[in-house]
Amino acid sequence: MNLKGKTAIVTGGGRDIGRACVMALAEAGANVAINYHSSAEGAESAVAEITAKGGKAFAMKGDMTNPDDVNALVDRAASELGGVDILVNNTGGLIGRKSILEMDLDHWQKVMDLNLTSIFHAVKAAVPRMKNGGAIVNIASQAGRDGGGPGAAAYATSKGAVITLTRALAKELGPDIRVNSINPGMIDTDFHNIFTKDAVRTAVANATPLKREGRPEEVGDLVAYLASDKASFMTGASVDLNGGTVFS
């Protein structure tokens, strides 16, 4: 997977899956613009690792639900790293587990903005700067397929919408730009450290054919593949990465 000379933007790139995407893209030769919101240490350490190996990268704080912050990120990537070839939309989160009856409109809207509207802003800003042969990879979730766990209705709905948006964008932006999404299952990240009980994690892992959780690096490797010319005939795909918990 040769991404040498290409520029990638990764939103939510300071930790876990996002940081793994950053490192996989850089390992394949891409210059990387790293957005972060609260994970400055992880983002800056990624920049240090990349530049120490001769690569190019910068980290920039920003709220991807704010179009001004999104535009500033894309403008800096284009000016400092030479255009935009790859966009990885990883920003997202559960915020909190709430049933529909417990949930107020403010919570619903925050989850939608974080997981879905952030992608709208990023695509609007990046696509005019992207070259022919560009690639967008959206990080959705297994929850977008199966409805998620208890208290995750808003999150699962937003991620299902990411899958649908991916298909719509593939039609709209082809043939110049390919758009795919990834649906991670149980990945060993702070997301589950915070929101999922250990007993549930163990049960889910043991129910998979591979008998384990996934690693962030395994998501990063798939992102690098989908961003590369090796996946040149893939667009509109929604790729499951869950150890066999759910089969497409």
C-alpha atoms as a PDB file:
ATOM      1  CA  MET A   1       0.000   0.000   0.000  1.00  0.00           C
ATOM      2  CA  ASN A   2       1.987   2.932  -1.318  1.00  0.00           C
ATOM      3  CA  LEU A   3       0.629   6.316  -0.231  1.00  0.00           C
ATOM      4  CA  LYS A   4       3.873   8.196  -0.740  1.00  0.00           C
ATOM      5  CA  GLY A   5       3.287  11.793  -1.770  1.00  0.00           C
ATOM      6  CA  LYS A   6      -0.355  11.769  -0.675  1.00  0.00           C
ATOM      7  CA  THR A   7      -1.880  13.858   2.097  1.00  0.00           C
ATOM      8  CA  ALA A   8      -4.386  12.419   4.564  1.00  0.00           C
ATOM      9  CA  ILE A   9      -6.608  14.149   7.102  1.00  0.00           C
ATOM     10  CA  VAL A  10      -7.686  12.075  10.104  1.00  0.00           C
ATOM     11  CA  THR A  11     -10.328  13.514  12.417  1.00  0.00           C
ATOM     12  CA  GLY A  12     -10.287  12.333  16.011  1.00  0.00           C
ATOM     13  CA  GLY A  13      -6.724  11.162  15.429  1.00  0.00           C
ATOM     14  CA  GLY A  14      -5.276  11.562  18.911  1.00  0.00           C
ATOM     15  CA  ARG A  15      -6.072   8.179  20.420  1.00  0.00           C
ATOM     16  CA  ASP A  16      -7.250   4.625  19.900  1.00  0.00           C
ATOM     17  CA  ILE A  17      -8.638   3.906  16.409  1.00  0.00           C
ATOM     18  CA  GLY A  18      -7.920   7.408  15.133  1.00  0.00           C
ATOM     19  CA  ARG A  19      -4.286   7.335  16.185  1.00  0.00           C
ATOM     20  CA  ALA A  20      -3.882   3.852  14.714  1.00  0.00           C
ATOM     21  CA  CYS A  21      -5.235   5.202  11.415  1.00  0.00           C
ATOM     22  CA  VAL A  22      -2.722   8.044  11.539  1.00  0.00           C
ATOM     23  CA  MET A  23       0.196   5.704  12.078  1.00  0.00           C
ATOM     24  CA  ALA A  24      -0.909   3.214   9.402  1.00  0.00           C
ATOM     25  CA  LEU A  25      -1.294   5.965   6.806  1.00  0.00           C
ATOM     26  CA  ALA A  26       2.083   7.452   7.725  1.00  0.00           C
ATOM     27  CA  GLU A  27       3.709   4.016   7.566  1.00  0.00           C
ATOM     28  CA  ALA A  28       2.371   3.714   4.015  1.00  0.00           C
ATOM     29  CA  GLY A  29       4.047   7.025   3.160  1.00  0.00           C
ATOM     30  CA  ALA A  30       1.270   9.595   3.516  1.00  0.00           C
ATOM     31  CA  ASN A  31       1.647  13.050   5.002  1.00  0.00           C
ATOM     32  CA  VAL A  32      -0.913  13.302   7.797  1.00  0.00           C
ATOM     33  CA  ALA A  33      -2.948  16.167   9.259  1.00  0.00           C
ATOM     34  CA  ILE A  34      -4.171  15.039  12.678  1.00  0.00           C
ATOM     35  CA  ASN A  35      -7.250  16.579  14.220  1.00  0.00           C
ATOM     36  CA  TYR A  36      -7.836  16.128  17.940  1.00  0.00           C
ATOM     37  CA  HIS A  37     -10.236  17.586  20.478  1.00  0.00           C
ATOM     38  CA  SER A  38      -9.056  16.449  23.910  1.00  0.00           C
ATOM     39  CA  SER A  39      -6.224  13.999  23.144  1.00  0.00           C
ATOM     40  CA  ALA A  40      -3.368  16.438  22.598  1.00  0.00           C
ATOM     41  CA  GLU A  41      -0.722  14.126  24.054  1.00  0.00           C
ATOM     42  CA  GLY A  42      -1.554  11.257  21.699  1.00  0.00           C
ATOM     43  CA  ALA A  43      -1.728  13.524  18.676  1.00  0.00           C
ATOM     44  CA  GLU A  44       1.555  15.294  19.394  1.00  0.00           C
ATOM     45  CA  SER A  45       3.338  12.018  20.124  1.00  0.00           C
ATOM     46  CA  ALA A  46       2.115  10.691  16.769  1.00  0.00           C
ATOM     47  CA  VAL A  47       3.586  13.744  15.049  1.00  0.00           C
ATOM     48  CA  ALA A  48       6.884  13.168  16.855  1.00  0.00           C
ATOM     49  CA  GLU A  49       6.997   9.506  15.791  1.00  0.00           C
ATOM     50  CA  ILE A  50       6.194  10.310  12.174  1.00  0.00           C
ATOM     51  CA  THR A  51       8.663  13.164  11.805  1.00  0.00           C
ATOM     52  CA  ALA A  52      11.397  11.149  13.535  1.00  0.00           C
ATOM     53  CA  LYS A  53      11.094   8.647  10.682  1.00  0.00           C
ATOM     54  CA  GLY A  54      11.281  11.360   8.043  1.00  0.00           C
ATOM     55  CA  GLY A  55       7.574  11.801   7.445  1.00  0.00           C
ATOM     56  CA  LYS A  56       5.430  14.926   7.526  1.00  0.00           C
ATOM     57  CA  ALA A  57       2.606  15.531   9.968  1.00  0.00           C
ATOM     58  CA  PHE A  58       0.998  18.145  12.167  1.00  0.00           C
ATOM     59  CA  ALA A  59      -1.580  18.041  14.952  1.00  0.00           C
ATOM     60  CA  MET A  60      -4.317  20.638  15.293  1.00  0.00           C
ATOM     61  CA  LYS A  61      -7.016  20.992  17.917  1.00  0.00           C
ATOM     62  CA  GLY A  62     -10.530  21.476  16.624  1.00  0.00           C
ATOM     63  CA  ASP A  63     -14.208  20.710  17.107  1.00  0.00           C
ATOM     64  CA  MET A  64     -15.388  18.850  14.010  1.00  0.00           C
ATOM     65  CA  THR A  65     -18.988  19.870  14.698  1.00  0.00           C
ATOM     66  CA  ASN A  66     -17.864  23.474  14.125  1.00  0.00           C
ATOM     67  CA  PRO A  67     -17.483  24.253  10.409  1.00  0.00           C
ATOM     68  CA  ASP A  68     -14.944  27.009  11.101  1.00  0.00           C
ATOM     69  CA  ASP A  69     -12.631  24.525  12.841  1.00  0.00           C
ATOM     70  CA  VAL A  70     -13.131  22.007  10.036  1.00  0.00           C
ATOM     71  CA  ASN A  71     -12.303  24.566   7.349  1.00  0.00           C
ATOM     72  CA  ALA A  72      -9.204  25.681   9.241  1.00  0.00           C
ATOM     73  CA  LEU A  73      -7.959  22.080   9.423  1.00  0.00           C
ATOM     74  CA  VAL A  74      -8.508  21.430   5.718  1.00  0.00           C
ATOM     75  CA  ASP A  75      -6.942  24.764   4.725  1.00  0.00           C
ATOM     76  CA  ARG A  76      -3.830  24.029   6.771  1.00  0.00           C
ATOM     77  CA  ALA A  77      -3.518  20.500   5.390  1.00  0.00           C
ATOM     78  CA  ALA A  78      -3.801  21.781   1.833  1.00  0.00           C
ATOM     79  CA  SER A  79      -1.285  24.588   2.321  1.00  0.00           C
ATOM     80  CA  GLU A  80       1.316  22.812   4.470  1.00  0.00           C
ATOM     81  CA  LEU A  81       1.108  19.260   3.162  1.00  0.00           C
ATOM     82  CA  GLY A  82       0.203  19.801  -0.485  1.00  0.00           C
ATOM     83  CA  GLY A  83      -3.485  19.305  -1.130  1.00  0.00           C
ATOM     84  CA  VAL A  84      -5.853  16.647   0.181  1.00  0.00           C
ATOM     85  CA  ASP A  85      -5.994  13.082  -1.125  1.00  0.00           C
ATOM     86  CA  ILE A  86      -7.471  11.104   1.755  1.00  0.00           C
ATOM     87  CA  LEU A  87     -10.089  11.968   4.377  1.00  0.00           C
ATOM     88  CA  VAL A  88     -10.679   9.653   7.331  1.00  0.00           C
ATOM     89  CA  ASN A  89     -13.764  10.624   9.329  1.00  0.00           C
ATOM     90  CA  ASN A  90     -13.166   9.068  12.727  1.00  0.00           C
ATOM     91  CA  THR A  91     -14.602  11.713  15.060  1.00  0.00           C
ATOM     92  CA  GLY A  92     -17.454  10.246  17.076  1.00  0.00           C
ATOM     93  CA  GLY A  93     -18.654   8.902  20.376  1.00  0.00           C
ATOM     94  CA  LEU A  94     -21.510   7.596  22.470  1.00  0.00           C
ATOM     95  CA  ILE A  95     -21.498  10.524  24.969  1.00  0.00           C
ATOM     96  CA  GLY A  96     -23.632   8.485  27.365  1.00  0.00           C
ATOM     97  CA  ARG A  97     -25.991   5.530  27.498  1.00  0.00           C
ATOM     98  CA  LYS A  98     -29.613   6.727  27.573  1.00  0.00           C
ATOM     99  CA  SER A  99     -32.823   4.967  26.644  1.00  0.00           C
ATOM    100  CA  ILE A 100     -35.238   6.817  24.390  1.00  0.00           C
ATOM    101  CA  LEU A 101     -37.494   7.594  27.369  1.00  0.00           C
ATOM    102  CA  GLU A 102     -34.556   8.967  29.367  1.00  0.00           C
ATOM    103  CA  MET A 103     -33.146  10.928  26.462  1.00  0.00           C
ATOM    104  CA  ASP A 104     -33.804  14.596  25.830  1.00  0.00           C
ATOM    105  CA  LEU A 105     -33.522  16.303  22.463  1.00  0.00           C
ATOM    106  CA  ASP A 106     -30.225  17.946  23.415  1.00  0.00           C
ATOM    107  CA  HIS A 107     -28.541  14.563  23.929  1.00  0.00           C
ATOM    108  CA  TRP A 108     -29.982  13.190  20.677  1.00  0.00           C
ATOM    109  CA  GLN A 109     -28.752  16.212  18.725  1.00  0.00           C
ATOM    110  CA  LYS A 110     -25.271  16.144  20.268  1.00  0.00           C
ATOM    111  CA  VAL A 111     -24.814  12.487  19.296  1.00  0.00           C
ATOM    112  CA  MET A 112     -26.032  13.158  15.753  1.00  0.00           C
ATOM    113  CA  ASP A 113     -23.775  16.183  15.386  1.00  0.00           C
ATOM    114  CA  LEU A 114     -20.726  14.352  16.718  1.00  0.00           C
ATOM    115  CA  ASN A 115     -21.079  11.199  14.633  1.00  0.00           C
ATOM    116  CA  LEU A 116     -22.883  12.348  11.496  1.00  0.00           C
ATOM    117  CA  THR A 117     -22.898  16.117  11.021  1.00  0.00           C
ATOM    118  CA  SER A 118     -19.133  16.200  11.613  1.00  0.00           C
ATOM    119  CA  ILE A 119     -18.746  14.085   8.464  1.00  0.00           C
ATOM    120  CA  PHE A 120     -21.000  16.449   6.520  1.00  0.00           C
ATOM    121  CA  HIS A 121     -18.768  19.381   7.507  1.00  0.00           C
ATOM    122  CA  ALA A 122     -15.542  17.509   6.696  1.00  0.00           C
ATOM    123  CA  VAL A 123     -16.722  16.335   3.288  1.00  0.00           C
ATOM    124  CA  LYS A 124     -18.001  19.807   2.370  1.00  0.00           C
ATOM    125  CA  ALA A 125     -14.620  21.311   3.275  1.00  0.00           C
ATOM    126  CA  ALA A 126     -12.317  18.629   1.882  1.00  0.00           C
ATOM    127  CA  VAL A 127     -13.888  17.514  -1.391  1.00  0.00           C
ATOM    128  CA  PRO A 128     -13.254  20.798  -3.272  1.00  0.00           C
ATOM    129  CA  ARG A 129      -9.548  20.351  -2.399  1.00  0.00           C
ATOM    130  CA  MET A 130      -9.351  16.650  -3.258  1.00  0.00           C
ATOM    131  CA  LYS A 131      -7.670  15.419  -6.400  1.00  0.00           C
ATOM    132  CA  ASN A 132      -8.994  12.797  -8.791  1.00  0.00           C
ATOM    133  CA  GLY A 133      -8.260   9.420  -7.262  1.00  0.00           C
ATOM    134  CA  GLY A 134      -9.049  10.652  -3.768  1.00  0.00           C
ATOM    135  CA  ALA A 135     -10.517   8.443  -1.060  1.00  0.00           C
ATOM    136  CA  ILE A 136     -12.808   8.994   1.904  1.00  0.00           C
ATOM    137  CA  VAL A 137     -13.082   6.414   4.685  1.00  0.00           C
ATOM    138  CA  ASN A 138     -15.825   6.826   7.285  1.00  0.00           C
ATOM    139  CA  ILE A 139     -15.617   5.015  10.605  1.00  0.00           C
ATOM    140  CA  ALA A 140     -19.128   3.737  11.298  1.00  0.00           C
ATOM    141  CA  SER A 141     -19.841   0.899  13.763  1.00  0.00           C
ATOM    142  CA  GLN A 142     -21.293  -2.552  14.134  1.00  0.00           C
ATOM    143  CA  ALA A 143     -23.998  -0.710  16.092  1.00  0.00           C
ATOM    144  CA  GLY A 144     -25.109   0.813  12.813  1.00  0.00           C
ATOM    145  CA  ARG A 145     -25.966  -2.686  11.618  1.00  0.00           C
ATOM    146  CA  ASP A 146     -27.425  -4.314  14.722  1.00  0.00           C
ATOM    147  CA  GLY A 147     -28.878  -1.390  16.699  1.00  0.00           C
ATOM    148  CA  GLY A 148     -26.181  -1.329  19.382  1.00  0.00           C
ATOM    149  CA  GLY A 149     -26.343  -2.233  23.045  1.00  0.00           C
ATOM    150  CA  PRO A 150     -28.558  -0.880  25.848  1.00  0.00           C
ATOM    151  CA  GLY A 151     -28.874   2.896  25.859  1.00  0.00           C
ATOM    152  CA  ALA A 152     -27.195   3.296  22.467  1.00  0.00           C
ATOM    153  CA  ALA A 153     -30.197   4.067  20.247  1.00  0.00           C
ATOM    154  CA  ALA A 154     -28.953   7.538  19.291  1.00  0.00           C
ATOM    155  CA  TYR A 155     -25.409   6.289  18.670  1.00  0.00           C
ATOM    156  CA  ALA A 156     -26.551   3.291  16.615  1.00  0.00           C
ATOM    157  CA  THR A 157     -28.899   5.458  14.560  1.00  0.00           C
ATOM    158  CA  SER A 158     -26.166   7.972  13.816  1.00  0.00           C
ATOM    159  CA  LYS A 159     -23.766   5.211  12.743  1.00  0.00           C
ATOM    160  CA  GLY A 160     -26.421   3.611  10.549  1.00  0.00           C
ATOM    161  CA  ALA A 161     -26.776   6.995   8.901  1.00  0.00           C
ATOM    162  CA  VAL A 162     -23.006   7.090   8.347  1.00  0.00           C
ATOM    163  CA  ILE A 163     -23.295   3.838   6.388  1.00  0.00           C
ATOM    164  CA  THR A 164     -26.096   5.280   4.274  1.00  0.00           C
ATOM    165  CA  LEU A 165     -24.242   8.563   3.747  1.00  0.00           C
ATOM    166  CA  THR A 166     -21.229   6.571   2.588  1.00  0.00           C
ATOM    167  CA  ARG A 167     -23.306   4.914  -0.142  1.00  0.00           C
ATOM    168  CA  ALA A 168     -24.845   8.215  -1.219  1.00  0.00           C
ATOM    169  CA  LEU A 169     -21.447   9.920  -1.397  1.00  0.00           C
ATOM    170  CA  ALA A 170     -19.982   7.033  -3.392  1.00  0.00           C
ATOM    171  CA  LYS A 171     -22.630   7.649  -6.044  1.00  0.00           C
ATOM    172  CA  GLU A 172     -22.305  11.420  -5.923  1.00  0.00           C
ATOM    173  CA  LEU A 173     -18.520  11.725  -5.891  1.00  0.00           C
ATOM    174  CA  GLY A 174     -17.583   8.899  -8.254  1.00  0.00           C
ATOM    175  CA  PRO A 175     -15.688   8.304 -10.419  1.00  0.00           C
ATOM    176  CA  ASP A 176     -13.165  10.826  -9.085  1.00  0.00           C
ATOM    177  CA  ILE A 177     -13.392  10.013  -5.377  1.00  0.00           C
ATOM    178  CA  ARG A 178     -14.054   6.654  -3.725  1.00  0.00           C
ATOM    179  CA  VAL A 179     -16.016   6.510  -0.449  1.00  0.00           C
ATOM    180  CA  ASN A 180     -16.143   3.505   1.890  1.00  0.00           C
ATOM    181  CA  SER A 181     -16.954   2.862   5.532  1.00  0.00           C
ATOM    182  CA  ILE A 182     -15.764   0.466   8.214  1.00  0.00           C
ATOM    183  CA  ASN A 183     -17.951  -1.047  10.936  1.00  0.00           C
ATOM    184  CA  PRO A 184     -15.700  -1.945  13.883  1.00  0.00           C
ATOM    185  CA  GLY A 185     -17.084  -4.352  16.421  1.00  0.00           C
ATOM    186  CA  MET A 186     -15.587  -4.788  19.896  1.00  0.00           C
ATOM    187  CA  ILE A 187     -12.205  -3.054  19.631  1.00  0.00           C
ATOM    188  CA  ASP A 188      -9.947  -2.599  22.670  1.00  0.00           C
ATOM    189  CA  THR A 189     -10.307   1.165  23.108  1.00  0.00           C
ATOM    190  CA  ASP A 190     -11.180   3.775  25.728  1.00  0.00           C
ATOM    191  CA  PHE A 191     -14.694   3.821  24.245  1.00  0.00           C
ATOM    192  CA  HIS A 192     -15.331   0.420  25.782  1.00  0.00           C
ATOM    193  CA  ASN A 193     -13.156   1.119  28.832  1.00  0.00           C
ATOM    194  CA  ILE A 194     -15.603   3.915  29.653  1.00  0.00           C
ATOM    195  CA  PHE A 195     -18.970   2.673  28.401  1.00  0.00           C
ATOM    196  CA  THR A 196     -18.888  -1.153  28.420  1.00  0.00           C
ATOM    197  CA  LYS A 197     -18.717  -3.419  31.464  1.00  0.00           C
ATOM    198  CA  ASP A 198     -15.832  -5.890  31.594  1.00  0.00           C
ATOM    199  CA  ALA A 199     -18.208  -8.856  31.788  1.00  0.00           C
ATOM    200  CA  VAL A 200     -19.958  -7.724  28.618  1.00  0.00           C
ATOM    201  CA  ARG A 201     -16.658  -7.263  26.812  1.00  0.00           C
ATOM    202  CA  THR A 202     -15.522 -10.733  27.801  1.00  0.00           C
ATOM    203  CA  ALA A 203     -18.826 -12.292  26.712  1.00  0.00           C
ATOM    204  CA  VAL A 204     -18.736 -10.539  23.336  1.00  0.00           C
ATOM    205  CA  ALA A 205     -15.121 -11.511  22.735  1.00  0.00           C
ATOM    206  CA  ASN A 206     -15.770 -15.144  23.631  1.00  0.00           C
ATOM    207  CA  ALA A 207     -18.777 -15.231  21.286  1.00  0.00           C
ATOM    208  CA  THR A 208     -16.651 -14.354  18.267  1.00  0.00           C
ATOM    209  CA  PRO A 209     -15.043 -17.105  16.177  1.00  0.00           C
ATOM    210  CA  LEU A 210     -11.666 -15.465  16.895  1.00  0.00           C
ATOM    211  CA  LYS A 211     -12.323 -15.385  20.682  1.00  0.00           C
ATOM    212  CA  ARG A 212     -10.894 -11.912  21.268  1.00  0.00           C
ATOM    213  CA  GLU A 213     -11.416  -8.190  20.909  1.00  0.00           C
ATOM    214  CA  GLY A 214      -9.983  -6.365  17.942  1.00  0.00           C
ATOM    215  CA  ARG A 215      -6.991  -4.043  18.079  1.00  0.00           C
ATOM    216  CA  PRO A 216      -7.006  -0.411  16.913  1.00  0.00           C
ATOM    217  CA  GLU A 217      -4.102  -1.238  14.586  1.00  0.00           C
ATOM    218  CA  GLU A 218      -6.307  -3.710  12.729  1.00  0.00           C
ATOM    219  CA  VAL A 219      -8.742  -0.911  11.946  1.00  0.00           C
ATOM    220  CA  GLY A 220      -5.858   1.350  10.914  1.00  0.00           C
ATOM    221  CA  ASP A 221      -4.517  -1.240   8.496  1.00  0.00           C
ATOM    222  CA  LEU A 222      -7.930  -1.575   6.845  1.00  0.00           C
ATOM    223  CA  VAL A 223      -8.209   2.207   6.547  1.00  0.00           C
ATOM    224  CA  ALA A 224      -4.827   2.366   4.806  1.00  0.00           C
ATOM    225  CA  TYR A 225      -5.934  -0.351   2.394  1.00  0.00           C
ATOM    226  CA  LEU A 226      -9.222   1.367   1.539  1.00  0.00           C
ATOM    227  CA  ALA A 227      -7.369   4.656   1.030  1.00  0.00           C
ATOM    228  CA  SER A 228      -4.865   3.065  -1.342  1.00  0.00           C
ATOM    229  CA  ASP A 229      -5.019   2.120  -5.000  1.00  0.00           C
ATOM    230  CA  LYS A 230      -5.145  -1.523  -3.897  1.00  0.00           C
ATOM    231  CA  ALA A 231      -8.838  -0.873  -3.245  1.00  0.00           C
ATOM    232  CA  SER A 232      -9.358   0.965  -6.535  1.00  0.00           C
ATOM    233  CA  PHE A 233     -12.565  -0.955  -7.414  1.00  0.00           C
ATOM    234  CA  MET A 234     -14.141  -0.528  -3.968  1.00  0.00           C
ATOM    235  CA  THR A 235     -16.603   2.277  -3.333  1.00  0.00           C
ATOM    236  CA  GLY A 236     -19.836   2.453  -1.381  1.00  0.00           C
ATOM    237  CA  ALA A 237     -18.739  -0.601   0.606  1.00  0.00           C
ATOM    238  CA  SER A 238     -19.488  -1.008   4.296  1.00  0.00           C
ATOM    239  CA  VAL A 239     -16.820  -3.360   5.619  1.00  0.00           C
ATOM    240  CA  ASP A 240     -17.442  -5.304   8.834  1.00  0.00           C
ATOM    241  CA  LEU A 241     -14.455  -5.723  11.153  1.00  0.00           C
ATOM    242  CA  ASN A 242     -15.712  -7.619  14.170  1.00  0.00           C
ATOM    243  CA  GLY A 243     -13.981 -10.987  14.453  1.00  0.00           C
ATOM    244  CA  GLY A 244     -17.023 -12.746  13.048  1.00  0.00           C
ATOM    245  CA  THR A 245     -19.595 -11.472  15.553  1.00  0.00           C
ATOM    246  CA  VAL A 246     -21.777 -10.343  12.641  1.00  0.00           C
ATOM    247  CA  PHE A 247     -21.462 -11.667   9.114  1.00  0.00           C
ATOM    248  CA  SER A 248     -22.317  -9.411   6.168  1.00  0.00           C
END
